[in-house]
N, C-alpha and C. Protein backbone atom coordinates (compact mmCIF):
# COMPACT_ATOMS: atom_id res chain seq x y z
N MET A 1 24.05 -14.59 171.05
CA MET A 1 24.66 -15.63 170.23
C MET A 1 25.79 -16.32 170.99
N TYR A 2 25.84 -17.65 170.92
CA TYR A 2 26.82 -18.41 171.68
C TYR A 2 28.05 -18.72 170.81
N PHE A 3 28.92 -17.73 170.65
CA PHE A 3 30.19 -17.96 169.95
C PHE A 3 31.18 -16.87 170.32
N ASP A 4 32.41 -17.29 170.54
CA ASP A 4 33.48 -16.37 170.89
C ASP A 4 34.41 -16.23 169.70
N TYR A 5 34.41 -15.05 169.08
CA TYR A 5 35.26 -14.80 167.91
C TYR A 5 36.72 -14.48 168.30
N GLY A 6 36.98 -14.44 169.61
CA GLY A 6 38.29 -13.98 170.09
C GLY A 6 39.45 -14.89 169.77
N SER A 7 39.19 -16.19 169.62
CA SER A 7 40.28 -17.13 169.33
C SER A 7 39.86 -18.10 168.24
N LEU A 8 40.82 -18.48 167.42
CA LEU A 8 40.55 -19.41 166.33
C LEU A 8 40.35 -20.82 166.88
N LYS A 9 39.26 -21.45 166.51
CA LYS A 9 38.93 -22.78 167.03
C LYS A 9 39.55 -23.87 166.14
N ASP A 10 40.07 -24.90 166.78
CA ASP A 10 40.59 -26.06 166.05
C ASP A 10 40.42 -27.28 166.96
N HIS A 11 39.19 -27.76 167.05
CA HIS A 11 38.84 -28.79 168.02
C HIS A 11 39.18 -30.20 167.52
N LYS A 12 39.64 -31.03 168.43
CA LYS A 12 39.95 -32.42 168.10
C LYS A 12 38.68 -33.22 167.80
N THR A 13 37.56 -32.72 168.28
CA THR A 13 36.28 -33.40 168.04
C THR A 13 36.06 -33.62 166.55
N TYR A 14 36.49 -32.65 165.75
CA TYR A 14 36.34 -32.73 164.29
C TYR A 14 36.92 -34.05 163.77
N THR A 15 38.13 -34.38 164.22
CA THR A 15 38.82 -35.58 163.75
C THR A 15 38.06 -36.85 164.10
N PHE A 16 37.44 -36.87 165.29
CA PHE A 16 36.69 -38.06 165.72
C PHE A 16 35.34 -38.17 165.02
N VAL A 17 34.70 -37.03 164.75
CA VAL A 17 33.36 -37.03 164.17
C VAL A 17 33.40 -37.29 162.66
N LYS A 18 34.46 -36.88 162.00
CA LYS A 18 34.53 -37.00 160.53
C LYS A 18 34.27 -38.42 160.03
N PRO A 19 34.92 -39.47 160.57
CA PRO A 19 34.62 -40.81 160.07
C PRO A 19 33.18 -41.25 160.33
N ILE A 20 32.58 -40.72 161.40
CA ILE A 20 31.18 -41.03 161.68
C ILE A 20 30.29 -40.43 160.59
N LEU A 21 30.60 -39.19 160.20
CA LEU A 21 29.86 -38.55 159.11
C LEU A 21 30.01 -39.33 157.81
N LYS A 22 31.22 -39.85 157.59
CA LYS A 22 31.48 -40.65 156.39
C LYS A 22 30.59 -41.88 156.37
N ILE A 23 30.51 -42.57 157.50
CA ILE A 23 29.69 -43.77 157.60
C ILE A 23 28.21 -43.44 157.40
N LEU A 24 27.75 -42.37 158.06
CA LEU A 24 26.35 -41.98 157.94
C LEU A 24 25.99 -41.58 156.51
N SER A 25 26.95 -40.98 155.81
CA SER A 25 26.69 -40.56 154.42
C SER A 25 26.47 -41.75 153.50
N HIS A 26 26.91 -42.93 153.95
CA HIS A 26 26.70 -44.15 153.15
C HIS A 26 25.54 -45.00 153.67
N ILE A 27 25.08 -44.71 154.89
CA ILE A 27 23.96 -45.47 155.45
C ILE A 27 22.64 -44.75 155.20
N ILE A 28 22.59 -43.49 155.63
CA ILE A 28 21.36 -42.71 155.45
C ILE A 28 21.20 -42.26 154.00
N TYR A 29 22.32 -41.97 153.37
CA TYR A 29 22.34 -41.59 151.95
C TYR A 29 23.22 -42.59 151.21
N SER A 30 23.17 -42.51 149.90
CA SER A 30 24.14 -43.22 149.08
C SER A 30 25.06 -42.15 148.51
N SER A 31 26.19 -41.94 149.16
CA SER A 31 27.07 -40.82 148.83
C SER A 31 28.26 -41.27 147.98
N GLU A 32 28.58 -40.46 146.98
CA GLU A 32 29.74 -40.72 146.14
C GLU A 32 30.58 -39.44 146.08
N CYS A 33 31.89 -39.59 145.92
CA CYS A 33 32.78 -38.43 145.83
C CYS A 33 33.62 -38.53 144.57
N ILE A 34 33.72 -37.42 143.86
CA ILE A 34 34.53 -37.33 142.64
C ILE A 34 35.51 -36.17 142.82
N GLY A 35 36.78 -36.41 142.47
CA GLY A 35 37.75 -35.32 142.46
C GLY A 35 38.43 -35.04 143.78
N ARG A 36 38.43 -35.99 144.70
CA ARG A 36 39.08 -35.77 145.99
C ARG A 36 40.56 -35.42 145.80
N GLU A 37 41.16 -35.95 144.74
CA GLU A 37 42.59 -35.69 144.48
C GLU A 37 42.86 -34.23 144.10
N ASN A 38 41.81 -33.47 143.82
CA ASN A 38 41.97 -32.06 143.46
C ASN A 38 42.15 -31.15 144.67
N VAL A 39 41.95 -31.68 145.86
CA VAL A 39 42.06 -30.87 147.08
C VAL A 39 43.54 -30.70 147.45
N PRO A 40 44.07 -29.46 147.42
CA PRO A 40 45.46 -29.24 147.85
C PRO A 40 45.62 -29.60 149.33
N LEU A 41 46.70 -30.26 149.67
CA LEU A 41 46.89 -30.74 151.04
C LEU A 41 47.55 -29.71 151.94
N THR A 42 48.01 -28.60 151.38
CA THR A 42 48.62 -27.53 152.18
C THR A 42 48.19 -26.18 151.62
N GLY A 43 48.38 -25.14 152.43
CA GLY A 43 48.13 -23.77 151.99
C GLY A 43 46.72 -23.29 152.27
N ARG A 44 46.57 -21.96 152.27
CA ARG A 44 45.25 -21.36 152.50
C ARG A 44 44.34 -21.65 151.32
N LEU A 45 43.10 -21.98 151.61
CA LEU A 45 42.18 -22.43 150.57
C LEU A 45 40.75 -22.10 150.96
N ILE A 46 39.97 -21.67 149.97
CA ILE A 46 38.53 -21.46 150.15
C ILE A 46 37.81 -22.52 149.33
N ILE A 47 37.01 -23.35 150.00
CA ILE A 47 36.16 -24.30 149.28
C ILE A 47 34.80 -23.65 149.11
N ALA A 48 34.42 -23.42 147.87
CA ALA A 48 33.16 -22.75 147.55
C ALA A 48 32.23 -23.77 146.89
N CYS A 49 31.05 -23.95 147.47
CA CYS A 49 30.14 -25.01 147.03
C CYS A 49 28.71 -24.50 146.95
N ASN A 50 27.92 -25.11 146.08
CA ASN A 50 26.49 -24.80 146.07
C ASN A 50 25.83 -25.41 147.30
N HIS A 51 24.59 -25.03 147.56
CA HIS A 51 23.94 -25.40 148.83
C HIS A 51 22.54 -25.92 148.53
N ILE A 52 22.36 -27.26 148.62
CA ILE A 52 21.07 -27.84 148.25
C ILE A 52 20.28 -28.38 149.44
N GLY A 53 20.93 -28.51 150.60
CA GLY A 53 20.21 -29.06 151.75
C GLY A 53 20.95 -28.88 153.06
N THR A 54 20.26 -29.11 154.16
CA THR A 54 20.83 -28.92 155.49
C THR A 54 22.11 -29.72 155.74
N PRO A 55 22.21 -31.00 155.31
CA PRO A 55 23.41 -31.79 155.63
C PRO A 55 24.63 -31.47 154.77
N ASP A 56 24.55 -30.48 153.90
CA ASP A 56 25.63 -30.22 152.93
C ASP A 56 27.02 -30.12 153.55
N PRO A 57 27.22 -29.35 154.62
CA PRO A 57 28.57 -29.28 155.19
C PRO A 57 29.10 -30.65 155.61
N ALA A 58 28.22 -31.51 156.11
CA ALA A 58 28.64 -32.85 156.54
C ALA A 58 29.17 -33.66 155.37
N PHE A 59 28.53 -33.55 154.20
CA PHE A 59 29.00 -34.28 153.02
C PHE A 59 30.39 -33.82 152.61
N VAL A 60 30.61 -32.51 152.62
CA VAL A 60 31.90 -31.97 152.19
C VAL A 60 32.98 -32.33 153.21
N VAL A 61 32.66 -32.17 154.48
CA VAL A 61 33.62 -32.51 155.55
C VAL A 61 34.02 -33.98 155.46
N ALA A 62 33.03 -34.86 155.27
CA ALA A 62 33.28 -36.30 155.24
C ALA A 62 34.21 -36.70 154.10
N ASN A 63 34.22 -35.93 153.02
CA ASN A 63 34.98 -36.32 151.84
C ASN A 63 36.22 -35.48 151.57
N CYS A 64 36.45 -34.47 152.39
CA CYS A 64 37.61 -33.60 152.19
C CYS A 64 38.77 -34.08 153.07
N PRO A 65 39.98 -34.23 152.50
CA PRO A 65 41.12 -34.71 153.29
C PRO A 65 41.67 -33.69 154.29
N ARG A 66 41.17 -32.46 154.27
CA ARG A 66 41.64 -31.44 155.20
C ARG A 66 40.49 -30.95 156.09
N LYS A 67 40.85 -30.40 157.24
CA LYS A 67 39.86 -29.80 158.13
C LYS A 67 39.28 -28.55 157.47
N ILE A 68 37.98 -28.37 157.62
CA ILE A 68 37.31 -27.21 157.06
C ILE A 68 36.70 -26.38 158.18
N HIS A 69 36.89 -25.08 158.12
CA HIS A 69 36.23 -24.14 159.04
C HIS A 69 35.07 -23.51 158.26
N TYR A 70 33.87 -23.95 158.58
CA TYR A 70 32.70 -23.54 157.80
C TYR A 70 32.04 -22.27 158.34
N MET A 71 31.67 -21.38 157.41
CA MET A 71 30.81 -20.26 157.74
C MET A 71 29.38 -20.79 157.78
N ALA A 72 28.70 -20.63 158.91
CA ALA A 72 27.33 -21.14 159.07
C ALA A 72 26.40 -20.00 159.45
N LYS A 73 25.14 -20.13 159.09
CA LYS A 73 24.20 -19.05 159.40
C LYS A 73 24.08 -18.87 160.91
N SER A 74 23.98 -17.62 161.32
CA SER A 74 24.00 -17.28 162.74
C SER A 74 22.83 -17.88 163.52
N ASP A 75 21.72 -18.19 162.83
CA ASP A 75 20.55 -18.78 163.50
C ASP A 75 20.91 -20.07 164.23
N LEU A 76 21.90 -20.80 163.70
CA LEU A 76 22.28 -22.09 164.28
C LEU A 76 23.00 -21.93 165.62
N PHE A 77 23.41 -20.71 165.93
CA PHE A 77 24.17 -20.45 167.15
C PHE A 77 23.34 -19.73 168.21
N GLN A 78 22.03 -19.70 168.03
CA GLN A 78 21.16 -19.05 169.00
C GLN A 78 20.88 -19.94 170.20
N ARG A 79 20.93 -21.26 169.98
CA ARG A 79 20.77 -22.22 171.06
C ARG A 79 22.13 -22.72 171.52
N LYS A 80 22.33 -22.79 172.82
CA LYS A 80 23.65 -23.13 173.35
C LYS A 80 24.09 -24.53 172.95
N ASP A 81 23.16 -25.49 172.95
CA ASP A 81 23.54 -26.87 172.60
C ASP A 81 23.98 -26.98 171.15
N LEU A 82 23.22 -26.34 170.24
CA LEU A 82 23.60 -26.37 168.83
C LEU A 82 24.88 -25.59 168.58
N ALA A 83 25.01 -24.45 169.27
CA ALA A 83 26.22 -23.64 169.11
C ALA A 83 27.45 -24.43 169.52
N THR A 84 27.33 -25.19 170.60
CA THR A 84 28.45 -26.01 171.07
C THR A 84 28.80 -27.08 170.04
N LEU A 85 27.78 -27.73 169.48
CA LEU A 85 28.00 -28.77 168.47
C LEU A 85 28.72 -28.22 167.25
N PHE A 86 28.23 -27.12 166.72
CA PHE A 86 28.83 -26.55 165.51
C PHE A 86 30.22 -25.98 165.78
N THR A 87 30.41 -25.41 166.95
CA THR A 87 31.73 -24.89 167.32
C THR A 87 32.75 -26.01 167.41
N LEU A 88 32.35 -27.15 167.98
CA LEU A 88 33.25 -28.29 168.08
C LEU A 88 33.64 -28.84 166.70
N MET A 89 32.82 -28.54 165.69
CA MET A 89 33.14 -28.95 164.32
C MET A 89 33.79 -27.81 163.54
N ASN A 90 34.31 -26.82 164.29
CA ASN A 90 35.07 -25.70 163.71
C ASN A 90 34.24 -24.78 162.81
N ALA A 91 32.91 -24.80 162.97
CA ALA A 91 32.07 -23.86 162.25
C ALA A 91 31.96 -22.57 163.05
N PHE A 92 31.62 -21.49 162.38
CA PHE A 92 31.44 -20.21 163.06
C PHE A 92 30.30 -19.45 162.40
N PRO A 93 29.59 -18.60 163.15
CA PRO A 93 28.39 -17.96 162.63
C PRO A 93 28.66 -16.71 161.80
N VAL A 94 27.80 -16.52 160.80
CA VAL A 94 27.83 -15.30 160.00
C VAL A 94 26.39 -14.85 159.78
N LYS A 95 26.16 -13.56 159.90
CA LYS A 95 24.83 -13.01 159.64
C LYS A 95 24.67 -12.84 158.13
N ARG A 96 23.66 -13.50 157.60
CA ARG A 96 23.45 -13.47 156.16
C ARG A 96 22.96 -12.11 155.68
N CYS A 97 23.32 -11.80 154.43
CA CYS A 97 22.87 -10.56 153.77
C CYS A 97 23.25 -9.32 154.57
N SER A 98 24.44 -9.37 155.19
CA SER A 98 24.91 -8.20 155.93
C SER A 98 26.44 -8.21 155.94
N SER A 99 27.02 -7.08 156.25
CA SER A 99 28.47 -7.00 156.36
C SER A 99 28.85 -7.35 157.79
N ASP A 100 29.00 -8.64 158.05
CA ASP A 100 29.29 -9.13 159.39
C ASP A 100 30.80 -9.07 159.61
N ARG A 101 31.27 -7.97 160.17
CA ARG A 101 32.72 -7.75 160.29
C ARG A 101 33.40 -8.77 161.18
N LYS A 102 32.74 -9.16 162.27
CA LYS A 102 33.34 -10.16 163.16
C LYS A 102 33.57 -11.48 162.42
N ALA A 103 32.56 -11.90 161.68
CA ALA A 103 32.67 -13.16 160.94
C ALA A 103 33.71 -13.07 159.84
N LEU A 104 33.76 -11.94 159.15
CA LEU A 104 34.73 -11.76 158.06
C LEU A 104 36.16 -11.75 158.61
N ARG A 105 36.36 -11.07 159.75
CA ARG A 105 37.70 -11.06 160.35
C ARG A 105 38.11 -12.47 160.79
N TYR A 106 37.14 -13.21 161.32
CA TYR A 106 37.43 -14.59 161.75
C TYR A 106 37.80 -15.45 160.53
N ALA A 107 37.04 -15.29 159.46
CA ALA A 107 37.30 -16.04 158.23
C ALA A 107 38.70 -15.74 157.70
N LEU A 108 39.08 -14.47 157.72
CA LEU A 108 40.41 -14.09 157.24
C LEU A 108 41.50 -14.65 158.14
N ARG A 109 41.21 -14.76 159.45
CA ARG A 109 42.18 -15.35 160.36
C ARG A 109 42.40 -16.84 160.04
N VAL A 110 41.30 -17.52 159.69
CA VAL A 110 41.41 -18.93 159.26
C VAL A 110 42.38 -19.05 158.09
N LEU A 111 42.22 -18.17 157.12
CA LEU A 111 43.05 -18.23 155.91
C LEU A 111 44.48 -17.77 156.17
N GLU A 112 44.64 -16.78 157.04
CA GLU A 112 45.99 -16.32 157.38
C GLU A 112 46.82 -17.43 158.00
N GLU A 113 46.17 -18.36 158.70
CA GLU A 113 46.87 -19.47 159.34
C GLU A 113 46.96 -20.69 158.42
N GLU A 114 46.76 -20.44 157.11
CA GLU A 114 46.95 -21.49 156.09
C GLU A 114 45.98 -22.65 156.25
N LYS A 115 44.77 -22.34 156.70
CA LYS A 115 43.74 -23.37 156.87
C LYS A 115 42.71 -23.26 155.75
N VAL A 116 41.69 -24.10 155.85
CA VAL A 116 40.66 -24.18 154.81
C VAL A 116 39.36 -23.55 155.30
N LEU A 117 38.82 -22.65 154.50
CA LEU A 117 37.54 -22.01 154.80
C LEU A 117 36.48 -22.58 153.88
N GLY A 118 35.35 -22.99 154.46
CA GLY A 118 34.23 -23.48 153.67
C GLY A 118 33.14 -22.43 153.59
N ILE A 119 32.62 -22.22 152.39
CA ILE A 119 31.61 -21.17 152.20
C ILE A 119 30.62 -21.59 151.12
N PHE A 120 29.35 -21.19 151.32
CA PHE A 120 28.33 -21.37 150.30
C PHE A 120 28.09 -20.00 149.66
N PRO A 121 28.65 -19.74 148.49
CA PRO A 121 28.60 -18.39 147.89
C PRO A 121 27.19 -17.86 147.64
N GLU A 122 26.21 -18.77 147.47
CA GLU A 122 24.85 -18.31 147.22
C GLU A 122 24.22 -17.67 148.46
N GLY A 123 24.77 -17.99 149.63
CA GLY A 123 24.27 -17.39 150.87
C GLY A 123 22.99 -17.99 151.39
N ARG A 124 22.49 -19.03 150.74
CA ARG A 124 21.25 -19.68 151.18
C ARG A 124 21.14 -21.02 150.47
N ARG A 125 20.20 -21.83 150.97
CA ARG A 125 19.96 -23.10 150.30
C ARG A 125 19.12 -22.87 149.04
N VAL A 126 19.53 -23.51 147.97
CA VAL A 126 18.76 -23.49 146.72
C VAL A 126 18.59 -24.94 146.30
N ARG A 127 17.45 -25.51 146.62
CA ARG A 127 17.23 -26.92 146.34
C ARG A 127 17.09 -27.14 144.83
N GLN A 128 17.39 -28.36 144.40
CA GLN A 128 17.38 -28.65 142.96
C GLN A 128 16.01 -28.46 142.34
N HIS A 129 14.94 -28.64 143.12
CA HIS A 129 13.60 -28.45 142.54
C HIS A 129 13.27 -26.95 142.42
N GLU A 130 14.05 -26.10 143.09
CA GLU A 130 13.82 -24.65 143.01
C GLU A 130 14.55 -24.06 141.81
N SER A 131 15.71 -24.60 141.51
CA SER A 131 16.52 -24.10 140.41
C SER A 131 17.30 -25.25 139.81
N LEU A 132 17.32 -25.35 138.50
CA LEU A 132 18.00 -26.46 137.85
C LEU A 132 19.51 -26.39 138.01
N VAL A 133 20.04 -25.19 138.18
CA VAL A 133 21.48 -25.03 138.36
C VAL A 133 21.74 -24.08 139.51
N PRO A 134 22.95 -24.11 140.11
CA PRO A 134 23.28 -23.14 141.16
C PRO A 134 23.05 -21.71 140.70
N THR A 135 22.62 -20.86 141.60
CA THR A 135 22.22 -19.49 141.26
C THR A 135 23.37 -18.51 141.46
N GLU A 136 23.05 -17.23 141.48
CA GLU A 136 24.06 -16.17 141.56
C GLU A 136 24.75 -16.14 142.91
N ALA A 137 26.05 -15.84 142.88
CA ALA A 137 26.84 -15.75 144.11
C ALA A 137 26.76 -14.34 144.69
N LEU A 138 26.81 -14.26 146.01
CA LEU A 138 27.00 -12.98 146.68
C LEU A 138 28.48 -12.60 146.56
N THR A 139 28.82 -11.37 146.89
CA THR A 139 30.20 -10.91 146.69
C THR A 139 31.14 -11.31 147.82
N GLY A 140 30.61 -11.95 148.88
CA GLY A 140 31.45 -12.31 150.03
C GLY A 140 32.63 -13.17 149.67
N VAL A 141 32.43 -14.16 148.80
CA VAL A 141 33.53 -15.05 148.43
C VAL A 141 34.60 -14.29 147.66
N GLY A 142 34.19 -13.33 146.83
CA GLY A 142 35.16 -12.50 146.10
C GLY A 142 35.96 -11.63 147.04
N TYR A 143 35.28 -11.08 148.04
CA TYR A 143 35.97 -10.25 149.02
C TYR A 143 37.02 -11.06 149.78
N LEU A 144 36.64 -12.22 150.26
CA LEU A 144 37.57 -13.05 151.04
C LEU A 144 38.76 -13.50 150.19
N ALA A 145 38.51 -13.82 148.94
CA ALA A 145 39.60 -14.23 148.05
C ALA A 145 40.54 -13.07 147.81
N ARG A 146 39.98 -11.88 147.60
CA ARG A 146 40.81 -10.71 147.30
C ARG A 146 41.69 -10.32 148.49
N VAL A 147 41.10 -10.26 149.67
CA VAL A 147 41.84 -9.81 150.85
C VAL A 147 42.84 -10.85 151.34
N SER A 148 42.49 -12.12 151.25
CA SER A 148 43.34 -13.18 151.79
C SER A 148 44.40 -13.67 150.82
N GLY A 149 44.14 -13.53 149.52
CA GLY A 149 45.05 -14.09 148.53
C GLY A 149 44.92 -15.59 148.38
N ALA A 150 43.87 -16.16 148.94
CA ALA A 150 43.68 -17.62 148.90
C ALA A 150 43.22 -18.10 147.54
N ASP A 151 43.61 -19.32 147.19
CA ASP A 151 43.08 -19.98 146.01
C ASP A 151 41.68 -20.50 146.32
N ILE A 152 40.94 -20.82 145.27
CA ILE A 152 39.56 -21.29 145.41
C ILE A 152 39.44 -22.71 144.88
N LEU A 153 38.78 -23.56 145.63
CA LEU A 153 38.44 -24.89 145.15
C LEU A 153 36.93 -24.95 144.95
N PRO A 154 36.46 -24.92 143.69
CA PRO A 154 35.02 -25.04 143.47
C PRO A 154 34.56 -26.47 143.73
N ALA A 155 33.39 -26.60 144.31
CA ALA A 155 32.83 -27.92 144.59
C ALA A 155 31.33 -27.88 144.33
N CYS A 156 30.75 -29.03 144.07
CA CYS A 156 29.29 -29.05 143.89
C CYS A 156 28.70 -30.26 144.57
N LEU A 157 27.47 -30.07 145.02
CA LEU A 157 26.67 -31.15 145.58
C LEU A 157 25.50 -31.37 144.63
N TYR A 158 25.29 -32.62 144.30
CA TYR A 158 24.27 -32.95 143.30
C TYR A 158 23.44 -34.12 143.80
N ARG A 159 22.15 -33.97 143.76
CA ARG A 159 21.23 -35.05 144.14
C ARG A 159 20.74 -35.73 142.87
N LYS A 160 21.03 -37.01 142.76
CA LYS A 160 20.67 -37.76 141.56
C LYS A 160 19.16 -37.82 141.41
N PRO A 161 18.64 -37.43 140.24
CA PRO A 161 17.19 -37.44 140.05
C PRO A 161 16.65 -38.86 139.97
N GLY A 162 15.41 -39.02 140.42
CA GLY A 162 14.73 -40.30 140.31
C GLY A 162 15.13 -41.34 141.34
N CYS A 163 16.02 -40.95 142.29
CA CYS A 163 16.46 -41.92 143.30
C CYS A 163 15.46 -41.96 144.46
N SER A 164 15.62 -42.95 145.31
CA SER A 164 14.71 -43.13 146.43
C SER A 164 14.73 -41.94 147.37
N ARG A 165 13.57 -41.57 147.85
CA ARG A 165 13.46 -40.48 148.81
C ARG A 165 14.06 -40.86 150.15
N PHE A 166 14.07 -42.16 150.44
CA PHE A 166 14.53 -42.64 151.73
C PHE A 166 16.04 -42.86 151.78
N ARG A 167 16.69 -43.05 150.64
CA ARG A 167 18.14 -43.17 150.61
C ARG A 167 18.64 -42.53 149.32
N PRO A 168 18.55 -41.21 149.23
CA PRO A 168 18.91 -40.51 148.00
C PRO A 168 20.41 -40.60 147.70
N VAL A 169 20.73 -40.51 146.43
CA VAL A 169 22.12 -40.52 145.98
C VAL A 169 22.63 -39.08 145.92
N ILE A 170 23.66 -38.79 146.71
CA ILE A 170 24.26 -37.46 146.74
C ILE A 170 25.69 -37.56 146.20
N ILE A 171 25.98 -36.75 145.20
CA ILE A 171 27.32 -36.71 144.61
C ILE A 171 28.06 -35.49 145.14
N VAL A 172 29.24 -35.71 145.70
CA VAL A 172 30.12 -34.62 146.14
C VAL A 172 31.24 -34.54 145.11
N ARG A 173 31.40 -33.39 144.50
CA ARG A 173 32.41 -33.27 143.45
C ARG A 173 33.32 -32.07 143.68
N PHE A 174 34.62 -32.31 143.70
CA PHE A 174 35.62 -31.25 143.82
C PHE A 174 36.21 -30.98 142.43
N GLY A 175 36.22 -29.69 142.05
CA GLY A 175 36.78 -29.32 140.76
C GLY A 175 38.26 -29.01 140.84
N LYS A 176 38.75 -28.33 139.82
CA LYS A 176 40.15 -27.92 139.78
C LYS A 176 40.31 -26.59 140.50
N VAL A 177 41.44 -26.42 141.15
CA VAL A 177 41.71 -25.19 141.89
C VAL A 177 41.77 -23.99 140.96
N ILE A 178 41.14 -22.91 141.39
CA ILE A 178 41.25 -21.62 140.70
C ILE A 178 42.31 -20.81 141.44
N LYS A 179 43.42 -20.54 140.80
CA LYS A 179 44.48 -19.76 141.43
C LYS A 179 44.00 -18.33 141.66
N ASN A 180 44.41 -17.77 142.77
CA ASN A 180 44.00 -16.40 143.10
C ASN A 180 44.39 -15.42 142.00
N SER A 181 45.53 -15.68 141.36
CA SER A 181 46.01 -14.80 140.30
C SER A 181 45.10 -14.82 139.07
N GLU A 182 44.20 -15.81 138.98
CA GLU A 182 43.29 -15.92 137.84
C GLU A 182 41.98 -15.17 138.07
N LEU A 183 41.82 -14.56 139.24
CA LEU A 183 40.55 -13.93 139.59
C LEU A 183 40.49 -12.45 139.21
N GLY A 184 41.56 -11.92 138.68
CA GLY A 184 41.53 -10.55 138.13
C GLY A 184 41.57 -9.44 139.14
N PHE A 185 42.26 -9.64 140.26
CA PHE A 185 42.37 -8.58 141.26
C PHE A 185 43.54 -7.66 140.92
N GLU A 186 43.23 -6.52 140.33
CA GLU A 186 44.26 -5.56 139.94
C GLU A 186 44.18 -4.25 140.71
N GLY A 187 43.11 -4.10 141.50
CA GLY A 187 42.98 -2.93 142.36
C GLY A 187 42.39 -1.70 141.71
N GLU A 188 41.93 -1.79 140.47
CA GLU A 188 41.40 -0.61 139.77
C GLU A 188 39.98 -0.28 140.23
N ASN A 189 39.16 -1.29 140.36
CA ASN A 189 37.79 -1.10 140.82
C ASN A 189 37.45 -2.28 141.72
N ARG A 190 37.66 -2.11 143.03
CA ARG A 190 37.55 -3.23 143.95
C ARG A 190 36.18 -3.87 143.94
N SER A 191 35.13 -3.05 143.95
CA SER A 191 33.78 -3.57 143.99
C SER A 191 33.48 -4.41 142.75
N ARG A 192 33.84 -3.89 141.60
CA ARG A 192 33.58 -4.62 140.36
C ARG A 192 34.41 -5.89 140.28
N GLU A 193 35.66 -5.80 140.72
CA GLU A 193 36.53 -6.98 140.69
C GLU A 193 36.02 -8.08 141.60
N MET A 194 35.55 -7.73 142.80
CA MET A 194 35.03 -8.74 143.72
C MET A 194 33.77 -9.40 143.16
N LYS A 195 32.91 -8.59 142.54
CA LYS A 195 31.70 -9.14 141.94
C LYS A 195 32.04 -10.07 140.79
N ALA A 196 33.00 -9.67 139.95
CA ALA A 196 33.40 -10.50 138.82
C ALA A 196 34.05 -11.80 139.29
N ALA A 197 34.87 -11.70 140.34
CA ALA A 197 35.52 -12.90 140.89
C ALA A 197 34.48 -13.86 141.45
N SER A 198 33.50 -13.33 142.17
CA SER A 198 32.45 -14.16 142.75
C SER A 198 31.67 -14.88 141.65
N GLU A 199 31.40 -14.18 140.56
CA GLU A 199 30.66 -14.79 139.47
C GLU A 199 31.50 -15.84 138.74
N LYS A 200 32.80 -15.58 138.62
CA LYS A 200 33.69 -16.57 138.01
C LYS A 200 33.71 -17.86 138.83
N ILE A 201 33.78 -17.72 140.13
CA ILE A 201 33.77 -18.88 141.03
C ILE A 201 32.46 -19.64 140.90
N MET A 202 31.34 -18.89 140.87
CA MET A 202 30.04 -19.53 140.75
C MET A 202 29.88 -20.22 139.41
N ASN A 203 30.45 -19.65 138.36
CA ASN A 203 30.39 -20.28 137.04
C ASN A 203 31.09 -21.63 137.03
N GLU A 204 32.21 -21.71 137.76
CA GLU A 204 32.92 -22.99 137.83
C GLU A 204 32.10 -24.03 138.59
N ILE A 205 31.38 -23.57 139.62
CA ILE A 205 30.49 -24.49 140.35
C ILE A 205 29.37 -24.96 139.44
N ARG A 206 28.81 -24.05 138.64
CA ARG A 206 27.75 -24.43 137.69
C ARG A 206 28.25 -25.47 136.69
N LYS A 207 29.47 -25.26 136.19
CA LYS A 207 30.03 -26.21 135.22
C LYS A 207 30.15 -27.60 135.83
N LEU A 208 30.60 -27.66 137.08
CA LEU A 208 30.68 -28.95 137.76
C LEU A 208 29.30 -29.59 137.87
N TRP A 209 28.32 -28.78 138.26
CA TRP A 209 26.96 -29.28 138.44
C TRP A 209 26.40 -29.78 137.10
N LEU A 210 26.56 -28.99 136.05
CA LEU A 210 26.01 -29.35 134.73
C LEU A 210 26.69 -30.59 134.18
N ASP A 211 28.00 -30.72 134.39
CA ASP A 211 28.73 -31.89 133.93
C ASP A 211 28.26 -33.14 134.68
N THR A 212 28.04 -32.99 135.98
CA THR A 212 27.54 -34.10 136.79
C THR A 212 26.13 -34.48 136.37
N ASP A 213 25.29 -33.47 136.12
CA ASP A 213 23.92 -33.70 135.70
C ASP A 213 23.90 -34.41 134.35
N SER A 214 24.77 -33.99 133.45
CA SER A 214 24.82 -34.60 132.11
C SER A 214 25.16 -36.09 132.20
N PHE A 215 26.06 -36.43 133.13
CA PHE A 215 26.47 -37.83 133.28
C PHE A 215 25.37 -38.68 133.92
N TYR A 216 24.81 -38.20 135.03
CA TYR A 216 23.90 -39.02 135.81
C TYR A 216 22.47 -39.04 135.22
N SER A 217 22.10 -38.01 134.48
CA SER A 217 20.75 -38.00 133.90
C SER A 217 20.63 -38.97 132.74
N LYS A 218 21.77 -39.44 132.22
CA LYS A 218 21.75 -40.40 131.11
C LYS A 218 21.61 -41.84 131.60
N GLU A 219 21.84 -42.05 132.89
CA GLU A 219 21.77 -43.42 133.41
C GLU A 219 20.35 -43.97 133.44
């Protein structure tokens, strides 16, 4: 795998590429953003979002006022050229469905330095035709929130039904911040608390998705 976990990456390339992603999101797609004002401009933060397609991180990056360090599936880092591209955009690899200690330590380092961590709590893509609403979260997001003390910003990606296949309408929506103190970490049963926190976070993502669906399906 082509990635060095030894030092925290913060590449300037991100700043130059972000406006390009913004432009592409309006040319290749018809992209809209709701709730950008909900993104805290300082402090450690976990952005937790549903995952409906390959370009999802680009949509969130293009519309978020802060730099995001995304957890990406390790398969993307098997080729040197792709690994270089994703590393320059401050992404880092994580092995799915496993306790990837290197990736978890790196993620915690991102948060310790008061930066933003991007994560897809479902751990995989769940396209809208596969499931009408975002599915169950893995416990990874609960673990990271508990250990880091970071607040959570729920976000959702929604593909407007009935739109053109060649220029689909993608809605990026940021919800209200969930304070870490609201996640119920009391230390009595760590495993249960992390699972409950992960589900609470996923429920907020579902609410965003359902509210967006309710609005756009009436048009």
